[in-house]
Amino acid sequence: MIDELVEYKKAHFPDDLRRILACGGTSRSTVRVQWLPPAAPSVDVKWETQLYGMVLAGFTEEAVRFLRKTRKLSAVEARMMVAKIAIDLGMS
């Protein structure tokens, strides 16, 4: 479903640089889409999408471990970053 939405977005809204993180049906005729803002030039899109996906799915501890391993953050720094992402996603 995400691939189809990405193609639709590219065809109909080529100037919209937001990224689709997740989607799902809310009823027979509507689809809920979770968006990420356009990626900054220096951001590893795949890495960021994986991190945001973990937080969105509720895998907080996995997200903290991911940040500690990939960005060498302390546990406190990683938890603060995960909390900020949750807020950005409207989860808090």
PDB file of N, CA and C in Angstrom:
ATOM      1  N   MET A   1       0.821  -1.183   0.000  1.00  0.00           N
ATOM      2  CA  MET A   1       0.000   0.000   0.000  1.00  0.00           C
ATOM      3  C   MET A   1       0.874   1.259   0.000  1.00  0.00           C
ATOM      4  N   ILE A   2       1.961   1.233   0.763  1.00  0.00           N
ATOM      5  CA  ILE A   2       2.824   2.417   0.821  1.00  0.00           C
ATOM      6  C   ILE A   2       3.428   2.706  -0.549  1.00  0.00           C
ATOM      7  N   ASP A   3       3.867   1.679  -1.252  1.00  0.00           N
ATOM      8  CA  ASP A   3       4.442   1.886  -2.582  1.00  0.00           C
ATOM      9  C   ASP A   3       3.438   2.562  -3.514  1.00  0.00           C
ATOM     10  N   GLU A   4       2.188   2.130  -3.460  1.00  0.00           N
ATOM     11  CA  GLU A   4       1.153   2.731  -4.296  1.00  0.00           C
ATOM     12  C   GLU A   4       0.921   4.191  -3.912  1.00  0.00           C
ATOM     13  N   LEU A   5       0.901   4.470  -2.616  1.00  0.00           N
ATOM     14  CA  LEU A   5       0.716   5.851  -2.170  1.00  0.00           C
ATOM     15  C   LEU A   5       1.892   6.739  -2.577  1.00  0.00           C
ATOM     16  N   VAL A   6       3.098   6.208  -2.506  1.00  0.00           N
ATOM     17  CA  VAL A   6       4.277   6.971  -2.918  1.00  0.00           C
ATOM     18  C   VAL A   6       4.176   7.321  -4.398  1.00  0.00           C
ATOM     19  N   GLU A   7       3.806   6.356  -5.217  1.00  0.00           N
ATOM     20  CA  GLU A   7       3.667   6.618  -6.661  1.00  0.00           C
ATOM     21  C   GLU A   7       2.571   7.639  -6.930  1.00  0.00           C
ATOM     22  N   TYR A   8       1.448   7.520  -6.234  1.00  0.00           N
ATOM     23  CA  TYR A   8       0.351   8.479  -6.387  1.00  0.00           C
ATOM     24  C   TYR A   8       0.810   9.881  -5.998  1.00  0.00           C
ATOM     25  N   LYS A   9       1.504   9.970  -4.853  1.00  0.00           N
ATOM     26  CA  LYS A   9       1.997  11.266  -4.369  1.00  0.00           C
ATOM     27  C   LYS A   9       2.964  11.888  -5.370  1.00  0.00           C
ATOM     28  N   LYS A  10       3.877  11.083  -5.902  1.00  0.00           N
ATOM     29  CA  LYS A  10       4.834  11.595  -6.887  1.00  0.00           C
ATOM     30  C   LYS A  10       4.127  12.119  -8.134  1.00  0.00           C
ATOM     31  N   ALA A  11       3.111  11.389  -8.579  1.00  0.00           N
ATOM     32  CA  ALA A  11       2.397  11.771  -9.804  1.00  0.00           C
ATOM     33  C   ALA A  11       1.513  13.005  -9.610  1.00  0.00           C
ATOM     34  N   HIS A  12       0.877  13.115  -8.450  1.00  0.00           N
ATOM     35  CA  HIS A  12      -0.094  14.180  -8.242  1.00  0.00           C
ATOM     36  C   HIS A  12       0.425  15.370  -7.435  1.00  0.00           C
ATOM     37  N   PHE A  13       1.460  15.153  -6.647  1.00  0.00           N
ATOM     38  CA  PHE A  13       2.005  16.214  -5.786  1.00  0.00           C
ATOM     39  C   PHE A  13       3.536  16.193  -5.830  1.00  0.00           C
ATOM     40  N   PRO A  14       4.128  16.436  -6.998  1.00  0.00           N
ATOM     41  CA  PRO A  14       5.586  16.299  -7.141  1.00  0.00           C
ATOM     42  C   PRO A  14       6.393  17.270  -6.275  1.00  0.00           C
ATOM     43  N   ASP A  15       5.795  18.369  -5.865  1.00  0.00           N
ATOM     44  CA  ASP A  15       6.517  19.347  -5.045  1.00  0.00           C
ATOM     45  C   ASP A  15       6.432  19.055  -3.546  1.00  0.00           C
ATOM     46  N   ASP A  16       5.617  18.083  -3.172  1.00  0.00           N
ATOM     47  CA  ASP A  16       5.465  17.708  -1.762  1.00  0.00           C
ATOM     48  C   ASP A  16       6.586  16.731  -1.409  1.00  0.00           C
ATOM     49  N   LEU A  17       7.543  17.185  -0.623  1.00  0.00           N
ATOM     50  CA  LEU A  17       8.727  16.383  -0.323  1.00  0.00           C
ATOM     51  C   LEU A  17       8.603  15.588   0.975  1.00  0.00           C
ATOM     52  N   ARG A  18       7.430  15.637   1.619  1.00  0.00           N
ATOM     53  CA  ARG A  18       7.250  14.834   2.826  1.00  0.00           C
ATOM     54  C   ARG A  18       7.383  13.358   2.475  1.00  0.00           C
ATOM     55  N   ARG A  19       7.725  12.571   3.494  1.00  0.00           N
ATOM     56  CA  ARG A  19       7.913  11.129   3.301  1.00  0.00           C
ATOM     57  C   ARG A  19       6.831  10.365   4.046  1.00  0.00           C
ATOM     58  N   ILE A  20       6.366   9.277   3.468  1.00  0.00           N
ATOM     59  CA  ILE A  20       5.364   8.438   4.108  1.00  0.00           C
ATOM     60  C   ILE A  20       6.082   7.460   5.029  1.00  0.00           C
ATOM     61  N   LEU A  21       5.702   7.465   6.313  1.00  0.00           N
ATOM     62  CA  LEU A  21       6.290   6.553   7.286  1.00  0.00           C
ATOM     63  C   LEU A  21       5.436   5.302   7.437  1.00  0.00           C
ATOM     64  N   ALA A  22       4.137   5.496   7.552  1.00  0.00           N
ATOM     65  CA  ALA A  22       3.231   4.365   7.756  1.00  0.00           C
ATOM     66  C   ALA A  22       1.845   4.754   7.261  1.00  0.00           C
ATOM     67  N   CYS A  23       1.041   3.753   6.974  1.00  0.00           N
ATOM     68  CA  CYS A  23      -0.334   4.028   6.584  1.00  0.00           C
ATOM     69  C   CYS A  23      -1.207   2.837   6.942  1.00  0.00           C
ATOM     70  N   GLY A  24      -2.490   3.090   6.989  1.00  0.00           N
ATOM     71  CA  GLY A  24      -3.441   2.030   7.273  1.00  0.00           C
ATOM     72  C   GLY A  24      -4.839   2.537   7.031  1.00  0.00           C
ATOM     73  N   GLY A  25      -5.739   1.616   6.772  1.00  0.00           N
ATOM     74  CA  GLY A  25      -7.126   1.985   6.534  1.00  0.00           C
ATOM     75  C   GLY A  25      -7.835   2.282   7.828  1.00  0.00           C
ATOM     76  N   THR A  26      -8.653   3.329   7.825  1.00  0.00           N
ATOM     77  CA  THR A  26      -9.468   3.642   8.992  1.00  0.00           C
ATOM     78  C   THR A  26     -10.918   3.241   8.755  1.00  0.00           C
ATOM     79  N   SER A  27     -11.285   3.108   7.506  1.00  0.00           N
ATOM     80  CA  SER A  27     -12.608   2.622   7.123  1.00  0.00           C
ATOM     81  C   SER A  27     -12.509   2.170   5.664  1.00  0.00           C
ATOM     82  N   ARG A  28     -13.620   1.866   5.078  1.00  0.00           N
ATOM     83  CA  ARG A  28     -13.584   1.396   3.688  1.00  0.00           C
ATOM     84  C   ARG A  28     -13.092   2.454   2.706  1.00  0.00           C
ATOM     85  N   SER A  29     -13.299   3.714   3.034  1.00  0.00           N
ATOM     86  CA  SER A  29     -13.005   4.745   2.038  1.00  0.00           C
ATOM     87  C   SER A  29     -11.878   5.709   2.433  1.00  0.00           C
ATOM     88  N   THR A  30     -11.276   5.521   3.588  1.00  0.00           N
ATOM     89  CA  THR A  30     -10.212   6.446   3.993  1.00  0.00           C
ATOM     90  C   THR A  30      -8.951   5.693   4.387  1.00  0.00           C
ATOM     91  N   VAL A  31      -7.838   6.383   4.207  1.00  0.00           N
ATOM     92  CA  VAL A  31      -6.532   5.845   4.581  1.00  0.00           C
ATOM     93  C   VAL A  31      -5.842   6.885   5.452  1.00  0.00           C
ATOM     94  N   ARG A  32      -5.295   6.444   6.564  1.00  0.00           N
ATOM     95  CA  ARG A  32      -4.530   7.338   7.446  1.00  0.00           C
ATOM     96  C   ARG A  32      -3.057   7.187   7.094  1.00  0.00           C
ATOM     97  N   VAL A  33      -2.392   8.326   6.868  1.00  0.00           N
ATOM     98  CA  VAL A  33      -0.981   8.320   6.497  1.00  0.00           C
ATOM     99  C   VAL A  33      -0.183   9.065   7.561  1.00  0.00           C
ATOM    100  N   GLN A  34       0.879   8.450   8.029  1.00  0.00           N
ATOM    101  CA  GLN A  34       1.808   9.091   8.971  1.00  0.00           C
ATOM    102  C   GLN A  34       2.968   9.646   8.150  1.00  0.00           C
ATOM    103  N   TRP A  35       3.202  10.948   8.244  1.00  0.00           N
ATOM    104  CA  TRP A  35       4.200  11.615   7.427  1.00  0.00           C
ATOM    105  C   TRP A  35       5.449  11.962   8.219  1.00  0.00           C
ATOM    106  N   LEU A  36       6.550  12.005   7.529  1.00  0.00           N
ATOM    107  CA  LEU A  36       7.787  12.587   8.045  1.00  0.00           C
ATOM    108  C   LEU A  36       8.080  13.808   7.194  1.00  0.00           C
ATOM    109  N   PRO A  37       8.672  14.829   7.795  1.00  0.00           N
ATOM    110  CA  PRO A  37       9.018  16.000   6.983  1.00  0.00           C
ATOM    111  C   PRO A  37      10.088  15.640   5.959  1.00  0.00           C
ATOM    112  N   PRO A  38      10.301  16.511   4.984  1.00  0.00           N
ATOM    113  CA  PRO A  38      11.380  16.249   4.021  1.00  0.00           C
ATOM    114  C   PRO A  38      12.708  16.058   4.748  1.00  0.00           C
ATOM    115  N   ALA A  39      13.509  15.186   4.225  1.00  0.00           N
ATOM    116  CA  ALA A  39      14.806  14.909   4.846  1.00  0.00           C
ATOM    117  C   ALA A  39      15.765  16.070   4.608  1.00  0.00           C
ATOM    118  N   ALA A  40      16.514  16.391   5.641  1.00  0.00           N
ATOM    119  CA  ALA A  40      17.574  17.388   5.495  1.00  0.00           C
ATOM    120  C   ALA A  40      18.666  16.778   4.619  1.00  0.00           C
ATOM    121  N   PRO A  41      19.423  17.611   3.924  1.00  0.00           N
ATOM    122  CA  PRO A  41      20.437  17.088   2.996  1.00  0.00           C
ATOM    123  C   PRO A  41      21.429  16.104   3.619  1.00  0.00           C
ATOM    124  N   SER A  42      21.772  16.288   4.870  1.00  0.00           N
ATOM    125  CA  SER A  42      22.786  15.429   5.490  1.00  0.00           C
ATOM    126  C   SER A  42      22.213  14.199   6.191  1.00  0.00           C
ATOM    127  N   VAL A  43      20.899  14.025   6.166  1.00  0.00           N
ATOM    128  CA  VAL A  43      20.252  12.934   6.897  1.00  0.00           C
ATOM    129  C   VAL A  43      20.268  11.647   6.086  1.00  0.00           C
ATOM    130  N   ASP A  44      20.595  10.557   6.756  1.00  0.00           N
ATOM    131  CA  ASP A  44      20.503   9.222   6.165  1.00  0.00           C
ATOM    132  C   ASP A  44      19.030   8.808   6.251  1.00  0.00           C
ATOM    133  N   VAL A  45      18.344   8.898   5.133  1.00  0.00           N
ATOM    134  CA  VAL A  45      16.894   8.684   5.096  1.00  0.00           C
ATOM    135  C   VAL A  45      16.518   7.288   5.583  1.00  0.00           C
ATOM    136  N   LYS A  46      17.243   6.294   5.163  1.00  0.00           N
ATOM    137  CA  LYS A  46      16.940   4.914   5.564  1.00  0.00           C
ATOM    138  C   LYS A  46      17.084   4.753   7.081  1.00  0.00           C
ATOM    139  N   TRP A  47      18.157   5.304   7.637  1.00  0.00           N
ATOM    140  CA  TRP A  47      18.398   5.238   9.077  1.00  0.00           C
ATOM    141  C   TRP A  47      17.279   5.933   9.840  1.00  0.00           C
ATOM    142  N   GLU A  48      16.935   7.158   9.398  1.00  0.00           N
ATOM    143  CA  GLU A  48      15.907   7.933  10.084  1.00  0.00           C
ATOM    144  C   GLU A  48      14.546   7.250  10.010  1.00  0.00           C
ATOM    145  N   THR A  49      14.203   6.708   8.862  1.00  0.00           N
ATOM    146  CA  THR A  49      12.927   6.021   8.704  1.00  0.00           C
ATOM    147  C   THR A  49      12.856   4.801   9.614  1.00  0.00           C
ATOM    148  N   GLN A  50      13.950   4.071   9.722  1.00  0.00           N
ATOM    149  CA  GLN A  50      13.989   2.909  10.603  1.00  0.00           C
ATOM    150  C   GLN A  50      13.780   3.336  12.059  1.00  0.00           C
ATOM    151  N   LEU A  51      14.452   4.381  12.480  1.00  0.00           N
ATOM    152  CA  LEU A  51      14.321   4.871  13.850  1.00  0.00           C
ATOM    153  C   LEU A  51      12.894   5.329  14.134  1.00  0.00           C
ATOM    154  N   TYR A  52      12.335   6.152  13.270  1.00  0.00           N
ATOM    155  CA  TYR A  52      10.972   6.644  13.469  1.00  0.00           C
ATOM    156  C   TYR A  52       9.963   5.495  13.439  1.00  0.00           C
ATOM    157  N   GLY A  53      10.186   4.515  12.587  1.00  0.00           N
ATOM    158  CA  GLY A  53       9.306   3.354  12.532  1.00  0.00           C
ATOM    159  C   GLY A  53       9.314   2.569  13.835  1.00  0.00           C
ATOM    160  N   MET A  54      10.496   2.407  14.448  1.00  0.00           N
ATOM    161  CA  MET A  54      10.586   1.713  15.738  1.00  0.00           C
ATOM    162  C   MET A  54       9.798   2.459  16.809  1.00  0.00           C
ATOM    163  N   VAL A  55       9.968   3.784  16.835  1.00  0.00           N
ATOM    164  CA  VAL A  55       9.260   4.581  17.837  1.00  0.00           C
ATOM    165  C   VAL A  55       7.760   4.512  17.595  1.00  0.00           C
ATOM    166  N   LEU A  56       7.330   4.643  16.356  1.00  0.00           N
ATOM    167  CA  LEU A  56       5.909   4.593  16.024  1.00  0.00           C
ATOM    168  C   LEU A  56       5.291   3.256  16.404  1.00  0.00           C
ATOM    169  N   ALA A  57       6.042   2.166  16.239  1.00  0.00           N
ATOM    170  CA  ALA A  57       5.547   0.826  16.564  1.00  0.00           C
ATOM    171  C   ALA A  57       5.588   0.542  18.068  1.00  0.00           C
ATOM    172  N   GLY A  58       6.152   1.468  18.838  1.00  0.00           N
ATOM    173  CA  GLY A  58       6.205   1.274  20.281  1.00  0.00           C
ATOM    174  C   GLY A  58       7.425   0.514  20.771  1.00  0.00           C
ATOM    175  N   PHE A  59       8.416   0.336  19.911  1.00  0.00           N
ATOM    176  CA  PHE A  59       9.634  -0.384  20.281  1.00  0.00           C
ATOM    177  C   PHE A  59      10.659   0.598  20.849  1.00  0.00           C
ATOM    178  N   THR A  60      10.334   1.171  21.993  1.00  0.00           N
ATOM    179  CA  THR A  60      11.154   2.210  22.602  1.00  0.00           C
ATOM    180  C   THR A  60      12.554   1.721  22.949  1.00  0.00           C
ATOM    181  N   GLU A  61      12.631   0.591  23.612  1.00  0.00           N
ATOM    182  CA  GLU A  61      13.947   0.086  24.022  1.00  0.00           C
ATOM    183  C   GLU A  61      14.814  -0.263  22.820  1.00  0.00           C
ATOM    184  N   GLU A  62      14.199  -0.805  21.778  1.00  0.00           N
ATOM    185  CA  GLU A  62      14.940  -1.113  20.559  1.00  0.00           C
ATOM    186  C   GLU A  62      15.457   0.170  19.916  1.00  0.00           C
ATOM    187  N   ALA A  63      14.630   1.217  19.935  1.00  0.00           N
ATOM    188  CA  ALA A  63      15.038   2.501  19.369  1.00  0.00           C
ATOM    189  C   ALA A  63      16.213   3.089  20.163  1.00  0.00           C
ATOM    190  N   VAL A  64      16.154   2.953  21.489  1.00  0.00           N
ATOM    191  CA  VAL A  64      17.258   3.439  22.328  1.00  0.00           C
ATOM    192  C   VAL A  64      18.536   2.674  22.005  1.00  0.00           C
ATOM    193  N   ARG A  65      18.447   1.356  21.921  1.00  0.00           N
ATOM    194  CA  ARG A  65      19.631   0.549  21.583  1.00  0.00           C
ATOM    195  C   ARG A  65      20.160   0.910  20.195  1.00  0.00           C
ATOM    196  N   PHE A  66      19.266   1.121  19.239  1.00  0.00           N
ATOM    197  CA  PHE A  66      19.639   1.503  17.880  1.00  0.00           C
ATOM    198  C   PHE A  66      20.427   2.813  17.888  1.00  0.00           C
ATOM    199  N   LEU A  67      19.942   3.797  18.628  1.00  0.00           N
ATOM    200  CA  LEU A  67      20.639   5.081  18.721  1.00  0.00           C
ATOM    201  C   LEU A  67      21.989   4.946  19.411  1.00  0.00           C
ATOM    202  N   ARG A  68      22.042   4.146  20.459  1.00  0.00           N
ATOM    203  CA  ARG A  68      23.312   3.967  21.170  1.00  0.00           C
ATOM    204  C   ARG A  68      24.344   3.308  20.266  1.00  0.00           C
ATOM    205  N   LYS A  69      23.889   2.344  19.479  1.00  0.00           N
ATOM    206  CA  LYS A  69      24.809   1.614  18.601  1.00  0.00           C
ATOM    207  C   LYS A  69      25.220   2.446  17.386  1.00  0.00           C
ATOM    208  N   THR A  70      24.256   3.068  16.732  1.00  0.00           N
ATOM    209  CA  THR A  70      24.539   3.747  15.469  1.00  0.00           C
ATOM    210  C   THR A  70      25.039   5.175  15.629  1.00  0.00           C
ATOM    211  N   ARG A  71      24.662   5.830  16.718  1.00  0.00           N
ATOM    212  CA  ARG A  71      25.067   7.229  16.927  1.00  0.00           C
ATOM    213  C   ARG A  71      25.932   7.416  18.165  1.00  0.00           C
ATOM    214  N   LYS A  72      26.228   6.309  18.831  1.00  0.00           N
ATOM    215  CA  LYS A  72      27.109   6.347  20.015  1.00  0.00           C
ATOM    216  C   LYS A  72      26.602   7.321  21.080  1.00  0.00           C
ATOM    217  N   LEU A  73      25.281   7.363  21.273  1.00  0.00           N
ATOM    218  CA  LEU A  73      24.706   8.234  22.294  1.00  0.00           C
ATOM    219  C   LEU A  73      24.706   7.531  23.643  1.00  0.00           C
ATOM    220  N   SER A  74      24.689   8.307  24.703  1.00  0.00           N
ATOM    221  CA  SER A  74      24.516   7.730  26.032  1.00  0.00           C
ATOM    222  C   SER A  74      23.067   7.273  26.153  1.00  0.00           C
ATOM    223  N   ALA A  75      22.781   6.479  27.176  1.00  0.00           N
ATOM    224  CA  ALA A  75      21.410   6.005  27.387  1.00  0.00           C
ATOM    225  C   ALA A  75      20.464   7.182  27.596  1.00  0.00           C
ATOM    226  N   VAL A  76      20.899   8.165  28.353  1.00  0.00           N
ATOM    227  CA  VAL A  76      20.065   9.345  28.622  1.00  0.00           C
ATOM    228  C   VAL A  76      19.809  10.124  27.326  1.00  0.00           C
ATOM    229  N   GLU A  77      20.846  10.353  26.549  1.00  0.00           N
ATOM    230  CA  GLU A  77      20.686  11.080  25.287  1.00  0.00           C
ATOM    231  C   GLU A  77      19.749  10.332  24.335  1.00  0.00           C
ATOM    232  N   ALA A  78      19.914   9.020  24.258  1.00  0.00           N
ATOM    233  CA  ALA A  78      19.071   8.214  23.369  1.00  0.00           C
ATOM    234  C   ALA A  78      17.623   8.257  23.811  1.00  0.00           C
ATOM    235  N   ARG A  79      17.372   8.141  25.123  1.00  0.00           N
ATOM    236  CA  ARG A  79      15.991   8.202  25.627  1.00  0.00           C
ATOM    237  C   ARG A  79      15.368   9.569  25.363  1.00  0.00           C
ATOM    238  N   MET A  80      16.155  10.615  25.500  1.00  0.00           N
ATOM    239  CA  MET A  80      15.641  11.959  25.219  1.00  0.00           C
ATOM    240  C   MET A  80      15.287  12.106  23.742  1.00  0.00           C
ATOM    241  N   MET A  81      16.102  11.554  22.869  1.00  0.00           N
ATOM    242  CA  MET A  81      15.838  11.634  21.434  1.00  0.00           C
ATOM    243  C   MET A  81      14.585  10.824  21.078  1.00  0.00           C
ATOM    244  N   VAL A  82      14.444   9.644  21.656  1.00  0.00           N
ATOM    245  CA  VAL A  82      13.249   8.817  21.407  1.00  0.00           C
ATOM    246  C   VAL A  82      11.999   9.545  21.905  1.00  0.00           C
ATOM    247  N   ALA A  83      12.080  10.183  23.062  1.00  0.00           N
ATOM    248  CA  ALA A  83      10.943  10.934  23.595  1.00  0.00           C
ATOM    249  C   ALA A  83      10.563  12.083  22.665  1.00  0.00           C
ATOM    250  N   LYS A  84      11.566  12.773  22.130  1.00  0.00           N
ATOM    251  CA  LYS A  84      11.295  13.874  21.197  1.00  0.00           C
ATOM    252  C   LYS A  84      10.632  13.357  19.917  1.00  0.00           C
ATOM    253  N   ILE A  85      11.102  12.228  19.424  1.00  0.00           N
ATOM    254  CA  ILE A  85      10.511  11.645  18.213  1.00  0.00           C
ATOM    255  C   ILE A  85       9.057  11.268  18.479  1.00  0.00           C
ATOM    256  N   ALA A  86       8.783  10.686  19.648  1.00  0.00           N
ATOM    257  CA  ALA A  86       7.404  10.323  20.003  1.00  0.00           C
ATOM    258  C   ALA A  86       6.512  11.566  20.010  1.00  0.00           C
ATOM    259  N   ILE A  87       7.027  12.664  20.543  1.00  0.00           N
ATOM    260  CA  ILE A  87       6.271  13.919  20.543  1.00  0.00           C
ATOM    261  C   ILE A  87       6.057  14.395  19.109  1.00  0.00           C
ATOM    262  N   ASP A  88       7.111  14.353  18.294  1.00  0.00           N
ATOM    263  CA  ASP A  88       7.000  14.762  16.889  1.00  0.00           C
ATOM    264  C   ASP A  88       5.949  13.952  16.143  1.00  0.00           C
ATOM    265  N   LEU A  89       5.823  12.683  16.516  1.00  0.00           N
ATOM    266  CA  LEU A  89       4.842  11.798  15.869  1.00  0.00           C
ATOM    267  C   LEU A  89       3.446  11.925  16.485  1.00  0.00           C
ATOM    268  N   GLY A  90       3.304  12.794  17.487  1.00  0.00           N
ATOM    269  CA  GLY A  90       2.006  12.981  18.127  1.00  0.00           C
ATOM    270  C   GLY A  90       1.604  11.860  19.055  1.00  0.00           C
ATOM    271  N   MET A  91       2.580  11.177  19.610  1.00  0.00           N
ATOM    272  CA  MET A  91       2.299  10.021  20.452  1.00  0.00           C
ATOM    273  C   MET A  91       2.231  10.381  21.936  1.00  0.00           C
ATOM    274  N   SER A  92       2.601  11.583  22.299  1.00  0.00           N
ATOM    275  CA  SER A  92       2.601  11.963  23.716  1.00  0.00           C
ATOM    276  C   SER A  92       1.620  13.049  23.997  1.00  0.00           C
TER     277      SER A  92
END
